[in-house]
mmCIF file of all heavy atoms, coordinates in Angstrom:
data_MODEL
# 
_entry.id   MODEL 
# 
loop_
_atom_site.group_PDB 
_atom_site.id 
_atom_site.type_symbol 
_atom_site.label_atom_id 
_atom_site.label_alt_id 
_atom_site.label_comp_id 
_atom_site.label_asym_id 
_atom_site.label_entity_id 
_atom_site.label_seq_id 
_atom_site.pdbx_PDB_ins_code 
_atom_site.Cartn_x 
_atom_site.Cartn_y 
_atom_site.Cartn_z 
_atom_site.occupancy 
_atom_site.B_iso_or_equiv 
_atom_site.pdbx_formal_charge 
_atom_site.auth_seq_id 
_atom_site.auth_comp_id 
_atom_site.auth_asym_id 
_atom_site.auth_atom_id 
_atom_site.pdbx_PDB_model_num 
ATOM 1   N N   . LYS A 1 1  ? 136.248 120.740 174.547 1.00 0.00 ? 1  LYS A N   1 
ATOM 2   C CA  . LYS A 1 1  ? 135.729 121.051 175.887 1.00 0.00 ? 1  LYS A CA  1 
ATOM 3   C C   . LYS A 1 1  ? 134.457 121.850 175.645 1.00 0.00 ? 1  LYS A C   1 
ATOM 4   O O   . LYS A 1 1  ? 133.385 121.659 176.395 1.00 0.00 ? 1  LYS A O   1 
ATOM 5   C CB  . LYS A 1 1  ? 136.674 121.879 176.552 1.00 0.00 ? 1  LYS A CB  1 
ATOM 6   C CG  . LYS A 1 1  ? 136.217 122.150 178.099 1.00 0.00 ? 1  LYS A CG  1 
ATOM 7   C CD  . LYS A 1 1  ? 137.224 123.122 178.693 1.00 0.00 ? 1  LYS A CD  1 
ATOM 8   C CE  . LYS A 1 1  ? 138.630 122.546 178.830 1.00 0.00 ? 1  LYS A CE  1 
ATOM 9   N NZ  . LYS A 1 1  ? 139.526 123.456 179.629 1.00 0.00 ? 1  LYS A NZ  1 
ATOM 10  N N   . TYR A 1 2  ? 134.348 122.728 174.593 1.00 0.00 ? 2  TYR A N   1 
ATOM 11  C CA  . TYR A 1 2  ? 133.256 123.574 174.419 1.00 0.00 ? 2  TYR A CA  1 
ATOM 12  C C   . TYR A 1 2  ? 132.360 123.293 173.203 1.00 0.00 ? 2  TYR A C   1 
ATOM 13  O O   . TYR A 1 2  ? 131.525 124.130 172.755 1.00 0.00 ? 2  TYR A O   1 
ATOM 14  C CB  . TYR A 1 2  ? 133.757 125.081 174.322 1.00 0.00 ? 2  TYR A CB  1 
ATOM 15  C CG  . TYR A 1 2  ? 134.401 125.528 175.605 1.00 0.00 ? 2  TYR A CG  1 
ATOM 16  C CD1 . TYR A 1 2  ? 135.816 125.644 175.701 1.00 0.00 ? 2  TYR A CD1 1 
ATOM 17  C CD2 . TYR A 1 2  ? 133.681 125.714 176.784 1.00 0.00 ? 2  TYR A CD2 1 
ATOM 18  C CE1 . TYR A 1 2  ? 136.397 125.971 176.907 1.00 0.00 ? 2  TYR A CE1 1 
ATOM 19  C CE2 . TYR A 1 2  ? 134.222 126.129 177.991 1.00 0.00 ? 2  TYR A CE2 1 
ATOM 20  C CZ  . TYR A 1 2  ? 135.577 126.219 177.990 1.00 0.00 ? 2  TYR A CZ  1 
ATOM 21  O OH  . TYR A 1 2  ? 136.270 126.623 179.191 1.00 0.00 ? 2  TYR A OH  1 
ATOM 22  N N   . MET A 1 3  ? 132.541 122.122 172.601 1.00 0.00 ? 3  MET A N   1 
ATOM 23  C CA  . MET A 1 3  ? 131.729 121.876 171.404 1.00 0.00 ? 3  MET A CA  1 
ATOM 24  C C   . MET A 1 3  ? 130.414 121.416 171.784 1.00 0.00 ? 3  MET A C   1 
ATOM 25  O O   . MET A 1 3  ? 130.086 120.932 172.855 1.00 0.00 ? 3  MET A O   1 
ATOM 26  C CB  . MET A 1 3  ? 132.547 120.662 170.566 1.00 0.00 ? 3  MET A CB  1 
ATOM 27  C CG  . MET A 1 3  ? 132.423 119.336 171.218 1.00 0.00 ? 3  MET A CG  1 
ATOM 28  S SD  . MET A 1 3  ? 133.228 118.112 170.269 1.00 0.00 ? 3  MET A SD  1 
ATOM 29  C CE  . MET A 1 3  ? 132.981 116.612 171.246 1.00 0.00 ? 3  MET A CE  1 
ATOM 30  N N   . THR A 1 4  ? 129.458 121.553 170.780 1.00 0.00 ? 4  THR A N   1 
ATOM 31  C CA  . THR A 1 4  ? 128.142 121.051 170.959 1.00 0.00 ? 4  THR A CA  1 
ATOM 32  C C   . THR A 1 4  ? 128.105 119.718 170.193 1.00 0.00 ? 4  THR A C   1 
ATOM 33  O O   . THR A 1 4  ? 128.444 119.624 169.043 1.00 0.00 ? 4  THR A O   1 
ATOM 34  C CB  . THR A 1 4  ? 127.101 122.104 170.327 1.00 0.00 ? 4  THR A CB  1 
ATOM 35  O OG1 . THR A 1 4  ? 127.370 123.301 171.065 1.00 0.00 ? 4  THR A OG1 1 
ATOM 36  C CG2 . THR A 1 4  ? 125.710 121.591 170.522 1.00 0.00 ? 4  THR A CG2 1 
ATOM 37  N N   . VAL A 1 5  ? 127.518 118.692 170.882 1.00 0.00 ? 5  VAL A N   1 
ATOM 38  C CA  . VAL A 1 5  ? 127.399 117.380 170.338 1.00 0.00 ? 5  VAL A CA  1 
ATOM 39  C C   . VAL A 1 5  ? 126.002 117.100 169.768 1.00 0.00 ? 5  VAL A C   1 
ATOM 40  O O   . VAL A 1 5  ? 125.046 117.254 170.517 1.00 0.00 ? 5  VAL A O   1 
ATOM 41  C CB  . VAL A 1 5  ? 127.814 116.341 171.305 1.00 0.00 ? 5  VAL A CB  1 
ATOM 42  C CG1 . VAL A 1 5  ? 127.696 114.900 170.708 1.00 0.00 ? 5  VAL A CG1 1 
ATOM 43  C CG2 . VAL A 1 5  ? 129.194 116.587 171.834 1.00 0.00 ? 5  VAL A CG2 1 
ATOM 44  N N   . ASP A 1 6  ? 125.883 116.722 168.542 1.00 0.00 ? 6  ASP A N   1 
ATOM 45  C CA  . ASP A 1 6  ? 124.675 116.191 167.971 1.00 0.00 ? 6  ASP A CA  1 
ATOM 46  C C   . ASP A 1 6  ? 124.712 114.689 168.101 1.00 0.00 ? 6  ASP A C   1 
ATOM 47  O O   . ASP A 1 6  ? 125.298 113.989 167.275 1.00 0.00 ? 6  ASP A O   1 
ATOM 48  C CB  . ASP A 1 6  ? 124.477 116.628 166.518 1.00 0.00 ? 6  ASP A CB  1 
ATOM 49  C CG  . ASP A 1 6  ? 123.169 116.114 165.819 1.00 0.00 ? 6  ASP A CG  1 
ATOM 50  O OD1 . ASP A 1 6  ? 122.487 115.266 166.500 1.00 0.00 ? 6  ASP A OD1 1 
ATOM 51  O OD2 . ASP A 1 6  ? 122.848 116.610 164.844 1.00 0.00 ? 6  ASP A OD2 1 
ATOM 52  N N   . SER A 1 7  ? 124.107 114.171 169.188 1.00 0.00 ? 7  SER A N   1 
ATOM 53  C CA  . SER A 1 7  ? 124.176 112.743 169.523 1.00 0.00 ? 7  SER A CA  1 
ATOM 54  C C   . SER A 1 7  ? 123.588 111.851 168.460 1.00 0.00 ? 7  SER A C   1 
ATOM 55  O O   . SER A 1 7  ? 124.242 110.765 168.190 1.00 0.00 ? 7  SER A O   1 
ATOM 56  C CB  . SER A 1 7  ? 123.594 112.488 170.908 1.00 0.00 ? 7  SER A CB  1 
ATOM 57  O OG  . SER A 1 7  ? 124.294 113.067 171.923 1.00 0.00 ? 7  SER A OG  1 
ATOM 58  N N   . ASN A 1 8  ? 122.586 112.254 167.840 1.00 0.00 ? 8  ASN A N   1 
ATOM 59  C CA  . ASN A 1 8  ? 121.935 111.507 166.724 1.00 0.00 ? 8  ASN A CA  1 
ATOM 60  C C   . ASN A 1 8  ? 122.885 111.351 165.646 1.00 0.00 ? 8  ASN A C   1 
ATOM 61  O O   . ASN A 1 8  ? 123.042 110.203 165.112 1.00 0.00 ? 8  ASN A O   1 
ATOM 62  C CB  . ASN A 1 8  ? 120.566 112.129 166.312 1.00 0.00 ? 8  ASN A CB  1 
ATOM 63  C CG  . ASN A 1 8  ? 119.519 112.035 167.359 1.00 0.00 ? 8  ASN A CG  1 
ATOM 64  O OD1 . ASN A 1 8  ? 119.532 111.058 168.133 1.00 0.00 ? 8  ASN A OD1 1 
ATOM 65  N ND2 . ASN A 1 8  ? 118.648 113.003 167.327 1.00 0.00 ? 8  ASN A ND2 1 
ATOM 66  N N   . ALA A 1 9  ? 123.445 112.458 165.122 1.00 0.00 ? 9  ALA A N   1 
ATOM 67  C CA  . ALA A 1 9  ? 124.426 112.335 164.008 1.00 0.00 ? 9  ALA A CA  1 
ATOM 68  C C   . ALA A 1 9  ? 125.675 111.529 164.415 1.00 0.00 ? 9  ALA A C   1 
ATOM 69  O O   . ALA A 1 9  ? 126.207 110.796 163.606 1.00 0.00 ? 9  ALA A O   1 
ATOM 70  C CB  . ALA A 1 9  ? 124.785 113.760 163.590 1.00 0.00 ? 9  ALA A CB  1 
ATOM 71  N N   . LEU A 1 10 ? 126.238 111.674 165.690 1.00 0.00 ? 10 LEU A N   1 
ATOM 72  C CA  . LEU A 1 10 ? 127.251 111.027 166.150 1.00 0.00 ? 10 LEU A CA  1 
ATOM 73  C C   . LEU A 1 10 ? 127.086 109.535 166.173 1.00 0.00 ? 10 LEU A C   1 
ATOM 74  O O   . LEU A 1 10 ? 127.904 108.722 165.647 1.00 0.00 ? 10 LEU A O   1 
ATOM 75  C CB  . LEU A 1 10 ? 127.774 111.552 167.458 1.00 0.00 ? 10 LEU A CB  1 
ATOM 76  C CG  . LEU A 1 10 ? 129.019 110.809 168.133 1.00 0.00 ? 10 LEU A CG  1 
ATOM 77  C CD1 . LEU A 1 10 ? 130.222 111.087 167.192 1.00 0.00 ? 10 LEU A CD1 1 
ATOM 78  C CD2 . LEU A 1 10 ? 129.288 111.362 169.443 1.00 0.00 ? 10 LEU A CD2 1 
ATOM 79  N N   . PHE A 1 11 ? 125.863 109.127 166.698 1.00 0.00 ? 11 PHE A N   1 
ATOM 80  C CA  . PHE A 1 11 ? 125.486 107.732 166.754 1.00 0.00 ? 11 PHE A CA  1 
ATOM 81  C C   . PHE A 1 11 ? 125.494 107.169 165.321 1.00 0.00 ? 11 PHE A C   1 
ATOM 82  O O   . PHE A 1 11 ? 125.951 106.052 165.065 1.00 0.00 ? 11 PHE A O   1 
ATOM 83  C CB  . PHE A 1 11 ? 124.167 107.606 167.466 1.00 0.00 ? 11 PHE A CB  1 
ATOM 84  C CG  . PHE A 1 11 ? 123.543 106.225 167.304 1.00 0.00 ? 11 PHE A CG  1 
ATOM 85  C CD1 . PHE A 1 11 ? 124.162 105.149 167.981 1.00 0.00 ? 11 PHE A CD1 1 
ATOM 86  C CD2 . PHE A 1 11 ? 122.524 105.970 166.513 1.00 0.00 ? 11 PHE A CD2 1 
ATOM 87  C CE1 . PHE A 1 11 ? 123.543 103.811 167.837 1.00 0.00 ? 11 PHE A CE1 1 
ATOM 88  C CE2 . PHE A 1 11 ? 121.996 104.713 166.341 1.00 0.00 ? 11 PHE A CE2 1 
ATOM 89  C CZ  . PHE A 1 11 ? 122.509 103.657 167.045 1.00 0.00 ? 11 PHE A CZ  1 
ATOM 90  N N   . CYS A 1 12 ? 124.792 107.796 164.333 1.00 0.00 ? 12 CYS A N   1 
ATOM 91  C CA  . CYS A 1 12 ? 124.721 107.302 163.011 1.00 0.00 ? 12 CYS A CA  1 
ATOM 92  C C   . CYS A 1 12 ? 126.080 107.135 162.373 1.00 0.00 ? 12 CYS A C   1 
ATOM 93  O O   . CYS A 1 12 ? 126.346 106.092 161.734 1.00 0.00 ? 12 CYS A O   1 
ATOM 94  C CB  . CYS A 1 12 ? 123.842 108.183 162.175 1.00 0.00 ? 12 CYS A CB  1 
ATOM 95  S SG  . CYS A 1 12 ? 122.138 108.203 162.688 1.00 0.00 ? 12 CYS A SG  1 
ATOM 96  N N   . TYR A 1 13 ? 127.081 108.099 162.689 1.00 0.00 ? 13 TYR A N   1 
ATOM 97  C CA  . TYR A 1 13 ? 128.323 107.961 162.101 1.00 0.00 ? 13 TYR A CA  1 
ATOM 98  C C   . TYR A 1 13 ? 129.033 106.783 162.745 1.00 0.00 ? 13 TYR A C   1 
ATOM 99  O O   . TYR A 1 13 ? 129.750 106.046 161.991 1.00 0.00 ? 13 TYR A O   1 
ATOM 100 C CB  . TYR A 1 13 ? 129.124 109.352 162.453 1.00 0.00 ? 13 TYR A CB  1 
ATOM 101 C CG  . TYR A 1 13 ? 130.566 109.271 162.031 1.00 0.00 ? 13 TYR A CG  1 
ATOM 102 C CD1 . TYR A 1 13 ? 131.007 109.319 160.799 1.00 0.00 ? 13 TYR A CD1 1 
ATOM 103 C CD2 . TYR A 1 13 ? 131.549 109.182 163.111 1.00 0.00 ? 13 TYR A CD2 1 
ATOM 104 C CE1 . TYR A 1 13 ? 132.377 109.352 160.444 1.00 0.00 ? 13 TYR A CE1 1 
ATOM 105 C CE2 . TYR A 1 13 ? 132.833 109.069 162.842 1.00 0.00 ? 13 TYR A CE2 1 
ATOM 106 C CZ  . TYR A 1 13 ? 133.325 109.238 161.474 1.00 0.00 ? 13 TYR A CZ  1 
ATOM 107 O OH  . TYR A 1 13 ? 134.611 109.117 161.240 1.00 0.00 ? 13 TYR A OH  1 
ATOM 108 N N   . ILE A 1 14 ? 129.011 106.664 164.012 1.00 0.00 ? 14 ILE A N   1 
ATOM 109 C CA  . ILE A 1 14 ? 129.746 105.605 164.668 1.00 0.00 ? 14 ILE A CA  1 
ATOM 110 C C   . ILE A 1 14 ? 129.151 104.324 164.243 1.00 0.00 ? 14 ILE A C   1 
ATOM 111 O O   . ILE A 1 14 ? 129.965 103.263 163.958 1.00 0.00 ? 14 ILE A O   1 
ATOM 112 C CB  . ILE A 1 14 ? 129.599 105.698 166.224 1.00 0.00 ? 14 ILE A CB  1 
ATOM 113 C CG1 . ILE A 1 14 ? 130.364 106.915 166.691 1.00 0.00 ? 14 ILE A CG1 1 
ATOM 114 C CG2 . ILE A 1 14 ? 130.118 104.548 166.942 1.00 0.00 ? 14 ILE A CG2 1 
ATOM 115 C CD1 . ILE A 1 14 ? 130.011 107.378 168.156 1.00 0.00 ? 14 ILE A CD1 1 
ATOM 116 N N   . LEU A 1 15 ? 127.849 104.170 164.165 1.00 0.00 ? 15 LEU A N   1 
ATOM 117 C CA  . LEU A 1 15 ? 127.207 102.830 163.843 1.00 0.00 ? 15 LEU A CA  1 
ATOM 118 C C   . LEU A 1 15 ? 127.610 102.449 162.392 1.00 0.00 ? 15 LEU A C   1 
ATOM 119 O O   . LEU A 1 15 ? 127.909 101.413 162.210 1.00 0.00 ? 15 LEU A O   1 
ATOM 120 C CB  . LEU A 1 15 ? 125.687 103.088 163.902 1.00 0.00 ? 15 LEU A CB  1 
ATOM 121 C CG  . LEU A 1 15 ? 124.831 101.727 163.590 1.00 0.00 ? 15 LEU A CG  1 
ATOM 122 C CD1 . LEU A 1 15 ? 125.116 100.639 164.673 1.00 0.00 ? 15 LEU A CD1 1 
ATOM 123 C CD2 . LEU A 1 15 ? 123.328 102.135 163.512 1.00 0.00 ? 15 LEU A CD2 1 
ATOM 124 N N   . ARG A 1 16 ? 127.558 103.516 161.510 1.00 0.00 ? 16 ARG A N   1 
ATOM 125 C CA  . ARG A 1 16 ? 128.057 103.168 160.080 1.00 0.00 ? 16 ARG A CA  1 
ATOM 126 C C   . ARG A 1 16 ? 129.448 102.605 160.055 1.00 0.00 ? 16 ARG A C   1 
ATOM 127 O O   . ARG A 1 16 ? 129.700 101.583 159.491 1.00 0.00 ? 16 ARG A O   1 
ATOM 128 C CB  . ARG A 1 16 ? 127.859 104.310 159.206 1.00 0.00 ? 16 ARG A CB  1 
ATOM 129 C CG  . ARG A 1 16 ? 128.115 104.100 157.779 1.00 0.00 ? 16 ARG A CG  1 
ATOM 130 C CD  . ARG A 1 16 ? 127.805 105.307 156.847 1.00 0.00 ? 16 ARG A CD  1 
ATOM 131 N NE  . ARG A 1 16 ? 128.658 106.518 157.259 1.00 0.00 ? 16 ARG A NE  1 
ATOM 132 C CZ  . ARG A 1 16 ? 128.132 107.566 157.857 1.00 0.00 ? 16 ARG A CZ  1 
ATOM 133 N NH1 . ARG A 1 16 ? 126.902 107.582 158.223 1.00 0.00 ? 16 ARG A NH1 1 
ATOM 134 N NH2 . ARG A 1 16 ? 128.893 108.585 158.087 1.00 0.00 ? 16 ARG A NH2 1 
ATOM 135 N N   . LYS A 1 17 ? 130.294 103.272 160.862 1.00 0.00 ? 17 LYS A N   1 
ATOM 136 C CA  . LYS A 1 17 ? 131.721 102.802 160.751 1.00 0.00 ? 17 LYS A CA  1 
ATOM 137 C C   . LYS A 1 17 ? 131.819 101.366 161.468 1.00 0.00 ? 17 LYS A C   1 
ATOM 138 O O   . LYS A 1 17 ? 132.565 100.590 160.876 1.00 0.00 ? 17 LYS A O   1 
ATOM 139 C CB  . LYS A 1 17 ? 132.603 103.756 161.656 1.00 0.00 ? 17 LYS A CB  1 
ATOM 140 C CG  . LYS A 1 17 ? 133.012 105.064 160.908 1.00 0.00 ? 17 LYS A CG  1 
ATOM 141 C CD  . LYS A 1 17 ? 133.927 105.828 161.731 1.00 0.00 ? 17 LYS A CD  1 
ATOM 142 C CE  . LYS A 1 17 ? 135.308 105.178 161.834 1.00 0.00 ? 17 LYS A CE  1 
ATOM 143 N NZ  . LYS A 1 17 ? 136.306 106.010 162.534 1.00 0.00 ? 17 LYS A NZ  1 
ATOM 144 N N   . ARG A 1 18 ? 131.190 101.094 162.572 1.00 0.00 ? 18 ARG A N   1 
ATOM 145 C CA  . ARG A 1 18 ? 131.338 99.842  163.244 1.00 0.00 ? 18 ARG A CA  1 
ATOM 146 C C   . ARG A 1 18 ? 130.690 98.727  162.345 1.00 0.00 ? 18 ARG A C   1 
ATOM 147 O O   . ARG A 1 18 ? 131.265 97.671  162.313 1.00 0.00 ? 18 ARG A O   1 
ATOM 148 C CB  . ARG A 1 18 ? 130.656 99.912  164.587 1.00 0.00 ? 18 ARG A CB  1 
ATOM 149 C CG  . ARG A 1 18 ? 131.112 100.931 165.507 1.00 0.00 ? 18 ARG A CG  1 
ATOM 150 C CD  . ARG A 1 18 ? 132.573 100.735 166.075 1.00 0.00 ? 18 ARG A CD  1 
ATOM 151 N NE  . ARG A 1 18 ? 132.887 101.727 166.944 1.00 0.00 ? 18 ARG A NE  1 
ATOM 152 C CZ  . ARG A 1 18 ? 133.941 102.494 166.820 1.00 0.00 ? 18 ARG A CZ  1 
ATOM 153 N NH1 . ARG A 1 18 ? 134.718 102.493 165.655 1.00 0.00 ? 18 ARG A NH1 1 
ATOM 154 N NH2 . ARG A 1 18 ? 134.257 103.459 167.772 1.00 0.00 ? 18 ARG A NH2 1 
ATOM 155 N N   . MET A 1 19 ? 129.513 98.988  161.733 1.00 0.00 ? 19 MET A N   1 
ATOM 156 C CA  . MET A 1 19 ? 128.853 97.966  160.948 1.00 0.00 ? 19 MET A CA  1 
ATOM 157 C C   . MET A 1 19 ? 129.692 97.592  159.668 1.00 0.00 ? 19 MET A C   1 
ATOM 158 O O   . MET A 1 19 ? 129.747 96.501  159.317 1.00 0.00 ? 19 MET A O   1 
ATOM 159 C CB  . MET A 1 19 ? 127.512 98.413  160.508 1.00 0.00 ? 19 MET A CB  1 
ATOM 160 C CG  . MET A 1 19 ? 126.499 98.514  161.752 1.00 0.00 ? 19 MET A CG  1 
ATOM 161 S SD  . MET A 1 19 ? 126.349 96.924  162.554 1.00 0.00 ? 19 MET A SD  1 
ATOM 162 C CE  . MET A 1 19 ? 127.033 97.370  164.178 1.00 0.00 ? 19 MET A CE  1 
ATOM 163 N N   . VAL A 1 20 ? 130.345 98.609  159.026 1.00 0.00 ? 20 VAL A N   1 
ATOM 164 C CA  . VAL A 1 20 ? 131.122 98.350  157.888 1.00 0.00 ? 20 VAL A CA  1 
ATOM 165 C C   . VAL A 1 20 ? 132.346 97.515  158.305 1.00 0.00 ? 20 VAL A C   1 
ATOM 166 O O   . VAL A 1 20 ? 132.670 96.519  157.504 1.00 0.00 ? 20 VAL A O   1 
ATOM 167 C CB  . VAL A 1 20 ? 131.687 99.668  157.292 1.00 0.00 ? 20 VAL A CB  1 
ATOM 168 C CG1 . VAL A 1 20 ? 132.774 99.457  156.269 1.00 0.00 ? 20 VAL A CG1 1 
ATOM 169 C CG2 . VAL A 1 20 ? 130.637 100.468 156.565 1.00 0.00 ? 20 VAL A CG2 1 
ATOM 170 N N   . ARG A 1 21 ? 132.857 97.654  159.488 1.00 0.00 ? 21 ARG A N   1 
ATOM 171 C CA  . ARG A 1 21 ? 134.023 96.816  159.877 1.00 0.00 ? 21 ARG A CA  1 
ATOM 172 C C   . ARG A 1 21 ? 133.510 95.417  160.166 1.00 0.00 ? 21 ARG A C   1 
ATOM 173 O O   . ARG A 1 21 ? 134.192 94.418  159.844 1.00 0.00 ? 21 ARG A O   1 
ATOM 174 C CB  . ARG A 1 21 ? 134.691 97.404  161.117 1.00 0.00 ? 21 ARG A CB  1 
ATOM 175 C CG  . ARG A 1 21 ? 135.515 98.666  160.705 1.00 0.00 ? 21 ARG A CG  1 
ATOM 176 C CD  . ARG A 1 21 ? 136.103 99.366  162.028 1.00 0.00 ? 21 ARG A CD  1 
ATOM 177 N NE  . ARG A 1 21 ? 136.743 100.569 161.551 1.00 0.00 ? 21 ARG A NE  1 
ATOM 178 C CZ  . ARG A 1 21 ? 137.188 101.434 162.491 1.00 0.00 ? 21 ARG A CZ  1 
ATOM 179 N NH1 . ARG A 1 21 ? 137.135 101.208 163.763 1.00 0.00 ? 21 ARG A NH1 1 
ATOM 180 N NH2 . ARG A 1 21 ? 137.795 102.546 161.972 1.00 0.00 ? 21 ARG A NH2 1 
ATOM 181 N N   . ILE A 1 22 ? 132.416 95.281  160.844 1.00 0.00 ? 22 ILE A N   1 
ATOM 182 C CA  . ILE A 1 22 ? 131.874 93.980  161.235 1.00 0.00 ? 22 ILE A CA  1 
ATOM 183 C C   . ILE A 1 22 ? 131.536 93.160  159.875 1.00 0.00 ? 22 ILE A C   1 
ATOM 184 O O   . ILE A 1 22 ? 131.974 92.080  159.781 1.00 0.00 ? 22 ILE A O   1 
ATOM 185 C CB  . ILE A 1 22 ? 130.617 94.049  162.098 1.00 0.00 ? 22 ILE A CB  1 
ATOM 186 C CG1 . ILE A 1 22 ? 131.020 94.444  163.497 1.00 0.00 ? 22 ILE A CG1 1 
ATOM 187 C CG2 . ILE A 1 22 ? 129.874 92.711  162.028 1.00 0.00 ? 22 ILE A CG2 1 
ATOM 188 C CD1 . ILE A 1 22 ? 129.929 94.566  164.518 1.00 0.00 ? 22 ILE A CD1 1 
ATOM 189 N N   . VAL A 1 23 ? 130.749 93.766  159.093 1.00 0.00 ? 23 VAL A N   1 
ATOM 190 C CA  . VAL A 1 23 ? 130.429 93.157  157.840 1.00 0.00 ? 23 VAL A CA  1 
ATOM 191 C C   . VAL A 1 23 ? 131.607 92.877  156.923 1.00 0.00 ? 23 VAL A C   1 
ATOM 192 O O   . VAL A 1 23 ? 131.696 91.804  156.380 1.00 0.00 ? 23 VAL A O   1 
ATOM 193 C CB  . VAL A 1 23 ? 129.383 94.030  157.014 1.00 0.00 ? 23 VAL A CB  1 
ATOM 194 C CG1 . VAL A 1 23 ? 129.070 93.386  155.630 1.00 0.00 ? 23 VAL A CG1 1 
ATOM 195 C CG2 . VAL A 1 23 ? 128.038 94.157  157.796 1.00 0.00 ? 23 VAL A CG2 1 
ATOM 196 N N   . GLY A 1 24 ? 132.613 93.787  156.925 1.00 0.00 ? 24 GLY A N   1 
ATOM 197 C CA  . GLY A 1 24 ? 133.794 93.606  156.058 1.00 0.00 ? 24 GLY A CA  1 
ATOM 198 C C   . GLY A 1 24 ? 134.618 92.350  156.557 1.00 0.00 ? 24 GLY A C   1 
ATOM 199 O O   . GLY A 1 24 ? 134.968 91.469  155.786 1.00 0.00 ? 24 GLY A O   1 
ATOM 200 N N   . LEU A 1 25 ? 134.709 92.233  157.895 1.00 0.00 ? 25 LEU A N   1 
ATOM 201 C CA  . LEU A 1 25 ? 135.474 91.086  158.414 1.00 0.00 ? 25 LEU A CA  1 
ATOM 202 C C   . LEU A 1 25 ? 134.737 89.790  158.230 1.00 0.00 ? 25 LEU A C   1 
ATOM 203 O O   . LEU A 1 25 ? 135.254 88.639  157.908 1.00 0.00 ? 25 LEU A O   1 
ATOM 204 C CB  . LEU A 1 25 ? 135.704 91.261  159.916 1.00 0.00 ? 25 LEU A CB  1 
ATOM 205 C CG  . LEU A 1 25 ? 137.025 91.891  160.317 1.00 0.00 ? 25 LEU A CG  1 
ATOM 206 C CD1 . LEU A 1 25 ? 137.126 92.019  161.863 1.00 0.00 ? 25 LEU A CD1 1 
ATOM 207 C CD2 . LEU A 1 25 ? 138.203 91.058  159.802 1.00 0.00 ? 25 LEU A CD2 1 
ATOM 208 N N   . ALA A 1 26 ? 133.319 89.859  158.366 1.00 0.00 ? 26 ALA A N   1 
ATOM 209 C CA  . ALA A 1 26 ? 132.446 88.644  158.160 1.00 0.00 ? 26 ALA A CA  1 
ATOM 210 C C   . ALA A 1 26 ? 132.573 88.188  156.802 1.00 0.00 ? 26 ALA A C   1 
ATOM 211 O O   . ALA A 1 26 ? 132.751 87.029  156.441 1.00 0.00 ? 26 ALA A O   1 
ATOM 212 C CB  . ALA A 1 26 ? 131.036 89.070  158.609 1.00 0.00 ? 26 ALA A CB  1 
# 
């Protein structure tokens, strides 16, 4: 509830995870 979000870092982390899964399945 009270955390501070670094959206750039969060986006890069999420993107890396999602791309690894897509490329892995492909």
